[in-house]
């Protein structure tokens, strides 16, 4: 399979299966690297490798590119080689920007990424925590979990934090069924309902026993589950890698605008 081909073929059916697209942003000139274990974690993914550097407001992106491009490209070459050696397919971007978060948001849409990885170090992933808030976004979460861990022996634990007397069992059973459709055997899926703590504390406390987390991006417009920015807070408090699954945006919001220069394959 070519290194830049994000699709694989099932030899038993001849049908193509798209690898989950994962954005991996690294501040390429500030010492950020791919932590130990991350290339193996992404072996079954199509990685959009974003090397970015935040520049002062008064500095033009073109000026920064002339000064730093060669060093940044050398770092991206190194990271790309590591990912491809582990089995991932890779495309990459190099961006000099005044606003790092806006750049990350834009690249998510431009490359149709299902998730963004907070790339903390990990060993062999044997246990994966998947907090489930509601039915919205379950399909995208299942695509990520199935694509990354469907062929592994990792145990997937679905966690729901119940509030206001809700039970949550139907939600978790439905998610287990959806995971099975994406190649995660039901025997490897465990379920857990928490009622004694708030969402953030419950997830972070549970996360200590797991090797990786797959969590949906919070939607602050949903008042019934006051998660705030749960995914970001969990990523800040958990030492392992966190996949933040992006919610689908309305079509009119899929062009956040550009205020930087980017290279495609440099």
C-alpha atoms as a PDB file:
ATOM      1  CA  UNK A   1       0.000   0.000   0.000  1.00  0.00           C
ATOM      2  CA  UNK A   2       1.444   3.375  -0.924  1.00  0.00           C
ATOM      3  CA  UNK A   3       2.507   5.476   2.015  1.00  0.00           C
ATOM      4  CA  UNK A   4       0.189   8.310   1.045  1.00  0.00           C
ATOM      5  CA  UNK A   5      -2.909   6.136   0.507  1.00  0.00           C
ATOM      6  CA  UNK A   6      -5.400   6.584   3.365  1.00  0.00           C
ATOM      7  CA  UNK A   7      -7.435   3.550   2.293  1.00  0.00           C
ATOM      8  CA  UNK A   8      -6.921  -0.136   2.932  1.00  0.00           C
ATOM      9  CA  UNK A   9      -8.560  -3.104   1.242  1.00  0.00           C
ATOM     10  CA  UNK A  10     -10.200  -6.034   2.984  1.00  0.00           C
ATOM     11  CA  UNK A  11      -8.834  -9.119   1.152  1.00  0.00           C
ATOM     12  CA  UNK A  12     -11.934 -11.163   2.034  1.00  0.00           C
ATOM     13  CA  UNK A  13     -14.372  -8.739   0.422  1.00  0.00           C
ATOM     14  CA  UNK A  14     -12.247  -6.574  -1.834  1.00  0.00           C
ATOM     15  CA  UNK A  15     -13.895  -3.514  -0.339  1.00  0.00           C
ATOM     16  CA  UNK A  16     -11.957  -0.411   0.630  1.00  0.00           C
ATOM     17  CA  UNK A  17     -11.933   0.839   4.210  1.00  0.00           C
ATOM     18  CA  UNK A  18     -10.929   4.396   4.948  1.00  0.00           C
ATOM     19  CA  UNK A  19      -8.459   4.898   7.750  1.00  0.00           C
ATOM     20  CA  UNK A  20      -9.624   7.385  10.399  1.00  0.00           C
ATOM     21  CA  UNK A  21      -8.109  10.792   9.734  1.00  0.00           C
ATOM     22  CA  UNK A  22      -6.327  12.131  12.810  1.00  0.00           C
ATOM     23  CA  UNK A  23      -4.825  15.606  13.110  1.00  0.00           C
ATOM     24  CA  UNK A  24      -1.565  15.646  15.081  1.00  0.00           C
ATOM     25  CA  UNK A  25      -0.515  19.259  15.780  1.00  0.00           C
ATOM     26  CA  UNK A  26       3.048  19.865  16.957  1.00  0.00           C
ATOM     27  CA  UNK A  27       4.749  23.170  17.738  1.00  0.00           C
ATOM     28  CA  UNK A  28       7.547  22.129  15.517  1.00  0.00           C
ATOM     29  CA  UNK A  29      10.093  24.821  16.451  1.00  0.00           C
ATOM     30  CA  UNK A  30       9.414  24.772  20.198  1.00  0.00           C
ATOM     31  CA  UNK A  31      10.763  21.339  20.996  1.00  0.00           C
ATOM     32  CA  UNK A  32       7.509  19.371  20.692  1.00  0.00           C
ATOM     33  CA  UNK A  33       8.051  15.888  19.346  1.00  0.00           C
ATOM     34  CA  UNK A  34       6.189  12.628  18.890  1.00  0.00           C
ATOM     35  CA  UNK A  35       6.261  11.032  22.356  1.00  0.00           C
ATOM     36  CA  UNK A  36       7.215   7.418  22.853  1.00  0.00           C
ATOM     37  CA  UNK A  37       4.523   5.011  21.704  1.00  0.00           C
ATOM     38  CA  UNK A  38       2.535   7.523  19.650  1.00  0.00           C
ATOM     39  CA  UNK A  39       3.642   6.265  16.193  1.00  0.00           C
ATOM     40  CA  UNK A  40       2.483   2.755  17.112  1.00  0.00           C
ATOM     41  CA  UNK A  41      -0.776   4.139  18.461  1.00  0.00           C
ATOM     42  CA  UNK A  42      -1.422   5.697  15.042  1.00  0.00           C
ATOM     43  CA  UNK A  43      -0.404   2.656  12.990  1.00  0.00           C
ATOM     44  CA  UNK A  44      -3.893   2.245  11.520  1.00  0.00           C
ATOM     45  CA  UNK A  45      -4.610   5.954  11.037  1.00  0.00           C
ATOM     46  CA  UNK A  46      -4.226   8.444   8.250  1.00  0.00           C
ATOM     47  CA  UNK A  47      -2.280  11.172  10.026  1.00  0.00           C
ATOM     48  CA  UNK A  48      -2.499  14.821   9.102  1.00  0.00           C
ATOM     49  CA  UNK A  49       0.781  15.998  10.603  1.00  0.00           C
ATOM     50  CA  UNK A  50       0.618  19.708  11.361  1.00  0.00           C
ATOM     51  CA  UNK A  51       3.845  21.455  12.176  1.00  0.00           C
ATOM     52  CA  UNK A  52       3.065  24.985  13.274  1.00  0.00           C
ATOM     53  CA  UNK A  53       4.893  27.928  14.769  1.00  0.00           C
ATOM     54  CA  UNK A  54       3.156  30.884  16.417  1.00  0.00           C
ATOM     55  CA  UNK A  55       4.803  34.139  15.421  1.00  0.00           C
ATOM     56  CA  UNK A  56       4.489  37.662  16.899  1.00  0.00           C
ATOM     57  CA  UNK A  57       1.696  39.823  15.519  1.00  0.00           C
ATOM     58  CA  UNK A  58       4.188  42.201  13.918  1.00  0.00           C
ATOM     59  CA  UNK A  59       5.994  39.393  12.052  1.00  0.00           C
ATOM     60  CA  UNK A  60       4.794  38.460   8.568  1.00  0.00           C
ATOM     61  CA  UNK A  61       4.319  34.723   7.921  1.00  0.00           C
ATOM     62  CA  UNK A  62       6.476  34.976   4.811  1.00  0.00           C
ATOM     63  CA  UNK A  63       9.322  36.467   6.837  1.00  0.00           C
ATOM     64  CA  UNK A  64       9.113  33.652   9.386  1.00  0.00           C
ATOM     65  CA  UNK A  65       9.046  31.086   6.612  1.00  0.00           C
ATOM     66  CA  UNK A  66      12.262  32.379   5.097  1.00  0.00           C
ATOM     67  CA  UNK A  67      13.969  32.281   8.481  1.00  0.00           C
ATOM     68  CA  UNK A  68      12.738  28.968   9.895  1.00  0.00           C
ATOM     69  CA  UNK A  69      11.375  26.804   7.071  1.00  0.00           C
ATOM     70  CA  UNK A  70      14.416  24.565   6.557  1.00  0.00           C
ATOM     71  CA  UNK A  71      14.651  23.663  10.245  1.00  0.00           C
ATOM     72  CA  UNK A  72      10.925  23.033  10.485  1.00  0.00           C
ATOM     73  CA  UNK A  73      10.895  20.816   7.407  1.00  0.00           C
ATOM     74  CA  UNK A  74      13.757  18.732   8.790  1.00  0.00           C
ATOM     75  CA  UNK A  75      11.725  18.090  11.948  1.00  0.00           C
ATOM     76  CA  UNK A  76       8.638  17.141   9.938  1.00  0.00           C
ATOM     77  CA  UNK A  77      10.724  14.768   7.816  1.00  0.00           C
ATOM     78  CA  UNK A  78      11.790  13.006  11.012  1.00  0.00           C
ATOM     79  CA  UNK A  79       8.251  12.721  12.376  1.00  0.00           C
ATOM     80  CA  UNK A  80       6.813  11.553   9.057  1.00  0.00           C
ATOM     81  CA  UNK A  81       9.425   8.802   8.811  1.00  0.00           C
ATOM     82  CA  UNK A  82       8.586   7.590  12.340  1.00  0.00           C
ATOM     83  CA  UNK A  83       4.854   7.460  11.605  1.00  0.00           C
ATOM     84  CA  UNK A  84       5.216   5.680   8.288  1.00  0.00           C
ATOM     85  CA  UNK A  85       7.614   3.146   9.786  1.00  0.00           C
ATOM     86  CA  UNK A  86       4.893   2.277  12.317  1.00  0.00           C
ATOM     87  CA  UNK A  87       2.340   1.750   9.541  1.00  0.00           C
ATOM     88  CA  UNK A  88       0.473   5.069   9.375  1.00  0.00           C
ATOM     89  CA  UNK A  89      -0.191   6.973   6.189  1.00  0.00           C
ATOM     90  CA  UNK A  90       0.786  10.629   6.409  1.00  0.00           C
ATOM     91  CA  UNK A  91       0.128  13.985   4.839  1.00  0.00           C
ATOM     92  CA  UNK A  92       1.585  17.094   6.360  1.00  0.00           C
ATOM     93  CA  UNK A  93       1.313  20.844   6.596  1.00  0.00           C
ATOM     94  CA  UNK A  94       3.735  23.492   7.797  1.00  0.00           C
ATOM     95  CA  UNK A  95       2.137  26.715   9.016  1.00  0.00           C
ATOM     96  CA  UNK A  96       3.501  29.955  10.399  1.00  0.00           C
ATOM     97  CA  UNK A  97       0.600  31.677  12.109  1.00  0.00           C
ATOM     98  CA  UNK A  98      -0.411  34.409  14.510  1.00  0.00           C
ATOM     99  CA  UNK A  99      -3.140  32.243  16.064  1.00  0.00           C
ATOM    100  CA  UNK A 100      -2.324  28.594  16.727  1.00  0.00           C
ATOM    101  CA  UNK A 101      -5.801  27.435  17.752  1.00  0.00           C
ATOM    102  CA  UNK A 102      -7.455  28.958  14.684  1.00  0.00           C
ATOM    103  CA  UNK A 103      -4.909  27.164  12.537  1.00  0.00           C
ATOM    104  CA  UNK A 104      -5.718  23.840  14.188  1.00  0.00           C
ATOM    105  CA  UNK A 105      -9.463  24.432  13.772  1.00  0.00           C
ATOM    106  CA  UNK A 106      -9.027  25.290  10.096  1.00  0.00           C
ATOM    107  CA  UNK A 107      -6.910  22.226   9.342  1.00  0.00           C
ATOM    108  CA  UNK A 108      -9.499  19.960  10.970  1.00  0.00           C
ATOM    109  CA  UNK A 109     -12.045  21.073   8.370  1.00  0.00           C
ATOM    110  CA  UNK A 110      -9.715  21.292   5.395  1.00  0.00           C
ATOM    111  CA  UNK A 111      -8.593  17.693   5.878  1.00  0.00           C
ATOM    112  CA  UNK A 112     -11.906  16.302   7.162  1.00  0.00           C
ATOM    113  CA  UNK A 113     -10.298  14.986  10.357  1.00  0.00           C
ATOM    114  CA  UNK A 114     -12.396  12.902  12.731  1.00  0.00           C
ATOM    115  CA  UNK A 115     -10.221  13.667  15.741  1.00  0.00           C
ATOM    116  CA  UNK A 116      -7.293  15.655  17.074  1.00  0.00           C
ATOM    117  CA  UNK A 117      -4.646  13.832  19.100  1.00  0.00           C
ATOM    118  CA  UNK A 118      -3.131  15.270  22.279  1.00  0.00           C
ATOM    119  CA  UNK A 119       0.049  13.207  21.887  1.00  0.00           C
ATOM    120  CA  UNK A 120       1.238  12.170  25.332  1.00  0.00           C
ATOM    121  CA  UNK A 121       3.572   9.175  25.685  1.00  0.00           C
ATOM    122  CA  UNK A 122       2.173   5.664  25.958  1.00  0.00           C
ATOM    123  CA  UNK A 123       3.233   2.035  25.942  1.00  0.00           C
ATOM    124  CA  UNK A 124       1.232  -0.816  24.454  1.00  0.00           C
ATOM    125  CA  UNK A 125      -2.421   0.225  24.602  1.00  0.00           C
ATOM    126  CA  UNK A 126      -4.380  -2.474  26.403  1.00  0.00           C
ATOM    127  CA  UNK A 127      -7.223  -0.451  27.926  1.00  0.00           C
ATOM    128  CA  UNK A 128      -9.063   2.437  26.252  1.00  0.00           C
ATOM    129  CA  UNK A 129     -11.531   4.720  28.034  1.00  0.00           C
ATOM    130  CA  UNK A 130     -14.380   6.123  25.944  1.00  0.00           C
ATOM    131  CA  UNK A 131     -16.651   8.570  27.823  1.00  0.00           C
ATOM    132  CA  UNK A 132     -20.098   8.728  26.211  1.00  0.00           C
ATOM    133  CA  UNK A 133     -22.221  11.785  26.948  1.00  0.00           C
ATOM    134  CA  UNK A 134     -25.154  11.263  24.589  1.00  0.00           C
ATOM    135  CA  UNK A 135     -26.163   9.747  21.279  1.00  0.00           C
ATOM    136  CA  UNK A 136     -24.851  12.714  19.287  1.00  0.00           C
ATOM    137  CA  UNK A 137     -21.369  11.931  17.987  1.00  0.00           C
ATOM    138  CA  UNK A 138     -21.448   8.205  18.772  1.00  0.00           C
ATOM    139  CA  UNK A 139     -20.973   7.278  15.122  1.00  0.00           C
ATOM    140  CA  UNK A 140     -17.796   9.349  14.831  1.00  0.00           C
ATOM    141  CA  UNK A 141     -16.456   7.973  18.108  1.00  0.00           C
ATOM    142  CA  UNK A 142     -17.143   4.427  16.903  1.00  0.00           C
ATOM    143  CA  UNK A 143     -15.290   5.091  13.654  1.00  0.00           C
ATOM    144  CA  UNK A 144     -12.232   6.262  15.560  1.00  0.00           C
ATOM    145  CA  UNK A 145     -12.235   3.422  18.093  1.00  0.00           C
ATOM    146  CA  UNK A 146     -12.894   0.780  15.456  1.00  0.00           C
ATOM    147  CA  UNK A 147     -10.323   2.162  13.041  1.00  0.00           C
ATOM    148  CA  UNK A 148      -7.555   2.416  15.619  1.00  0.00           C
ATOM    149  CA  UNK A 149      -8.263  -0.542  17.904  1.00  0.00           C
ATOM    150  CA  UNK A 150     -10.631  -2.857  16.026  1.00  0.00           C
ATOM    151  CA  UNK A 151      -7.861  -5.288  15.079  1.00  0.00           C
ATOM    152  CA  UNK A 152      -6.089  -5.116  18.433  1.00  0.00           C
ATOM    153  CA  UNK A 153      -6.736  -6.895  21.722  1.00  0.00           C
ATOM    154  CA  UNK A 154      -7.405  -3.650  23.583  1.00  0.00           C
ATOM    155  CA  UNK A 155     -10.349  -3.594  25.962  1.00  0.00           C
ATOM    156  CA  UNK A 156     -12.670  -0.626  25.427  1.00  0.00           C
ATOM    157  CA  UNK A 157     -14.577   0.736  28.427  1.00  0.00           C
ATOM    158  CA  UNK A 158     -17.604   2.918  27.722  1.00  0.00           C
ATOM    159  CA  UNK A 159     -18.215   5.365  30.565  1.00  0.00           C
ATOM    160  CA  UNK A 160     -21.373   7.373  31.035  1.00  0.00           C
ATOM    161  CA  UNK A 161     -21.786   9.925  33.821  1.00  0.00           C
ATOM    162  CA  UNK A 162     -25.500   9.862  34.658  1.00  0.00           C
ATOM    163  CA  UNK A 163     -27.232  12.966  35.955  1.00  0.00           C
ATOM    164  CA  UNK A 164     -30.730  13.855  37.159  1.00  0.00           C
ATOM    165  CA  UNK A 165     -31.796  10.256  37.722  1.00  0.00           C
ATOM    166  CA  UNK A 166     -31.114   9.039  34.184  1.00  0.00           C
ATOM    167  CA  UNK A 167     -29.997   5.446  33.745  1.00  0.00           C
ATOM    168  CA  UNK A 168     -27.859   5.451  30.613  1.00  0.00           C
ATOM    169  CA  UNK A 169     -27.883   1.703  29.946  1.00  0.00           C
ATOM    170  CA  UNK A 170     -29.635   1.976  26.564  1.00  0.00           C
ATOM    171  CA  UNK A 171     -27.099   4.579  25.454  1.00  0.00           C
ATOM    172  CA  UNK A 172     -24.132   2.346  26.307  1.00  0.00           C
ATOM    173  CA  UNK A 173     -25.712  -0.766  24.786  1.00  0.00           C
ATOM    174  CA  UNK A 174     -26.394   1.141  21.583  1.00  0.00           C
ATOM    175  CA  UNK A 175     -22.802   2.382  21.488  1.00  0.00           C
ATOM    176  CA  UNK A 176     -21.512  -1.169  21.998  1.00  0.00           C
ATOM    177  CA  UNK A 177     -23.589  -2.278  18.989  1.00  0.00           C
ATOM    178  CA  UNK A 178     -22.206   0.574  16.897  1.00  0.00           C
ATOM    179  CA  UNK A 179     -18.639  -0.343  17.847  1.00  0.00           C
ATOM    180  CA  UNK A 180     -19.300  -3.908  16.698  1.00  0.00           C
ATOM    181  CA  UNK A 181     -20.197  -2.551  13.262  1.00  0.00           C
ATOM    182  CA  UNK A 182     -16.740  -0.975  13.126  1.00  0.00           C
ATOM    183  CA  UNK A 183     -14.893  -4.149  14.089  1.00  0.00           C
ATOM    184  CA  UNK A 184     -14.721  -4.011  17.892  1.00  0.00           C
ATOM    185  CA  UNK A 185     -15.908  -7.339  19.259  1.00  0.00           C
ATOM    186  CA  UNK A 186     -18.566  -7.073  21.959  1.00  0.00           C
ATOM    187  CA  UNK A 187     -16.462  -9.286  24.222  1.00  0.00           C
ATOM    188  CA  UNK A 188     -13.836  -6.520  24.334  1.00  0.00           C
ATOM    189  CA  UNK A 189     -16.296  -3.785  25.305  1.00  0.00           C
ATOM    190  CA  UNK A 190     -17.098  -3.081  28.928  1.00  0.00           C
ATOM    191  CA  UNK A 191     -19.606  -0.524  30.223  1.00  0.00           C
ATOM    192  CA  UNK A 192     -19.624   1.637  33.305  1.00  0.00           C
ATOM    193  CA  UNK A 193     -22.065   4.184  34.724  1.00  0.00           C
ATOM    194  CA  UNK A 194     -21.011   6.780  37.302  1.00  0.00           C
ATOM    195  CA  UNK A 195     -23.488   8.736  39.420  1.00  0.00           C
ATOM    196  CA  UNK A 196     -21.435  10.038  42.352  1.00  0.00           C
ATOM    197  CA  UNK A 197     -19.229  12.670  40.685  1.00  0.00           C
ATOM    198  CA  UNK A 198     -19.360  15.415  38.094  1.00  0.00           C
ATOM    199  CA  UNK A 199     -18.385  14.588  34.517  1.00  0.00           C
ATOM    200  CA  UNK A 200     -14.845  15.958  34.580  1.00  0.00           C
ATOM    201  CA  UNK A 201     -13.869  14.455  37.918  1.00  0.00           C
ATOM    202  CA  UNK A 202     -15.466  11.107  37.072  1.00  0.00           C
ATOM    203  CA  UNK A 203     -13.634  10.857  33.763  1.00  0.00           C
ATOM    204  CA  UNK A 204     -10.265  11.972  35.121  1.00  0.00           C
ATOM    205  CA  UNK A 205     -10.510   9.665  38.143  1.00  0.00           C
ATOM    206  CA  UNK A 206     -11.396   6.721  35.930  1.00  0.00           C
ATOM    207  CA  UNK A 207      -8.689   7.593  33.393  1.00  0.00           C
ATOM    208  CA  UNK A 208      -5.867   6.721  35.769  1.00  0.00           C
ATOM    209  CA  UNK A 209      -6.431   3.034  35.015  1.00  0.00           C
ATOM    210  CA  UNK A 210      -6.338   3.416  31.213  1.00  0.00           C
ATOM    211  CA  UNK A 211      -3.694   3.786  28.522  1.00  0.00           C
ATOM    212  CA  UNK A 212      -5.596   6.144  26.193  1.00  0.00           C
ATOM    213  CA  UNK A 213      -8.829   8.143  26.019  1.00  0.00           C
ATOM    214  CA  UNK A 214     -11.205   8.742  23.129  1.00  0.00           C
ATOM    215  CA  UNK A 215     -13.569  11.568  24.045  1.00  0.00           C
ATOM    216  CA  UNK A 216     -16.077  13.622  22.094  1.00  0.00           C
ATOM    217  CA  UNK A 217     -15.628  17.350  21.710  1.00  0.00           C
ATOM    218  CA  UNK A 218     -17.909  19.268  24.042  1.00  0.00           C
ATOM    219  CA  UNK A 219     -20.836  21.199  22.686  1.00  0.00           C
ATOM    220  CA  UNK A 220     -21.450  24.179  24.972  1.00  0.00           C
ATOM    221  CA  UNK A 221     -24.851  24.730  23.368  1.00  0.00           C
ATOM    222  CA  UNK A 222     -26.256  21.607  25.052  1.00  0.00           C
ATOM    223  CA  UNK A 223     -27.511  22.883  28.397  1.00  0.00           C
ATOM    224  CA  UNK A 224     -28.610  19.480  29.713  1.00  0.00           C
ATOM    225  CA  UNK A 225     -24.984  18.354  30.068  1.00  0.00           C
ATOM    226  CA  UNK A 226     -22.835  21.162  31.386  1.00  0.00           C
ATOM    227  CA  UNK A 227     -19.476  19.822  30.281  1.00  0.00           C
ATOM    228  CA  UNK A 228     -17.899  23.156  29.414  1.00  0.00           C
ATOM    229  CA  UNK A 229     -14.660  22.233  27.672  1.00  0.00           C
ATOM    230  CA  UNK A 230     -14.456  18.732  29.105  1.00  0.00           C
ATOM    231  CA  UNK A 231     -12.202  17.250  26.437  1.00  0.00           C
ATOM    232  CA  UNK A 232      -9.575  19.963  26.894  1.00  0.00           C
ATOM    233  CA  UNK A 233      -9.699  19.714  30.683  1.00  0.00           C
ATOM    234  CA  UNK A 234      -9.344  15.936  30.636  1.00  0.00           C
ATOM    235  CA  UNK A 235      -6.403  16.191  28.250  1.00  0.00           C
ATOM    236  CA  UNK A 236      -4.719  18.639  30.635  1.00  0.00           C
ATOM    237  CA  UNK A 237      -5.161  16.301  33.631  1.00  0.00           C
ATOM    238  CA  UNK A 238      -4.489  12.896  32.010  1.00  0.00           C
ATOM    239  CA  UNK A 239      -0.912  11.778  31.324  1.00  0.00           C
ATOM    240  CA  UNK A 240      -1.713   9.487  28.384  1.00  0.00           C
ATOM    241  CA  UNK A 241      -2.756  10.251  24.790  1.00  0.00           C
ATOM    242  CA  UNK A 242      -6.229  11.731  24.247  1.00  0.00           C
ATOM    243  CA  UNK A 243      -8.167  11.590  20.981  1.00  0.00           C
ATOM    244  CA  UNK A 244     -10.639  14.482  20.896  1.00  0.00           C
ATOM    245  CA  UNK A 245     -13.334  13.453  18.415  1.00  0.00           C
ATOM    246  CA  UNK A 246     -14.662  16.481  16.573  1.00  0.00           C
ATOM    247  CA  UNK A 247     -18.387  17.078  16.289  1.00  0.00           C
ATOM    248  CA  UNK A 248     -19.797  17.669  12.835  1.00  0.00           C
ATOM    249  CA  UNK A 249     -20.170  21.305  11.917  1.00  0.00           C
ATOM    250  CA  UNK A 250     -22.882  22.860   9.741  1.00  0.00           C
ATOM    251  CA  UNK A 251     -21.657  23.437   6.219  1.00  0.00           C
ATOM    252  CA  UNK A 252     -21.714  27.210   6.610  1.00  0.00           C
ATOM    253  CA  UNK A 253     -19.147  26.963   9.463  1.00  0.00           C
ATOM    254  CA  UNK A 254     -16.613  24.886   7.573  1.00  0.00           C
ATOM    255  CA  UNK A 255     -14.466  27.772   6.334  1.00  0.00           C
ATOM    256  CA  UNK A 256     -13.006  29.467   9.423  1.00  0.00           C
ATOM    257  CA  UNK A 257     -10.869  31.732   7.267  1.00  0.00           C
ATOM    258  CA  UNK A 258      -7.152  31.977   6.774  1.00  0.00           C
ATOM    259  CA  UNK A 259      -4.623  34.355   8.217  1.00  0.00           C
ATOM    260  CA  UNK A 260      -1.431  32.445   7.593  1.00  0.00           C
ATOM    261  CA  UNK A 261       0.626  30.824   4.880  1.00  0.00           C
ATOM    262  CA  UNK A 262       0.824  27.041   4.755  1.00  0.00           C
ATOM    263  CA  UNK A 263       2.852  24.539   2.783  1.00  0.00           C
ATOM    264  CA  UNK A 264       1.359  21.285   1.641  1.00  0.00           C
ATOM    265  CA  UNK A 265       4.146  18.742   1.403  1.00  0.00           C
ATOM    266  CA  UNK A 266       7.341  20.620   2.203  1.00  0.00           C
END
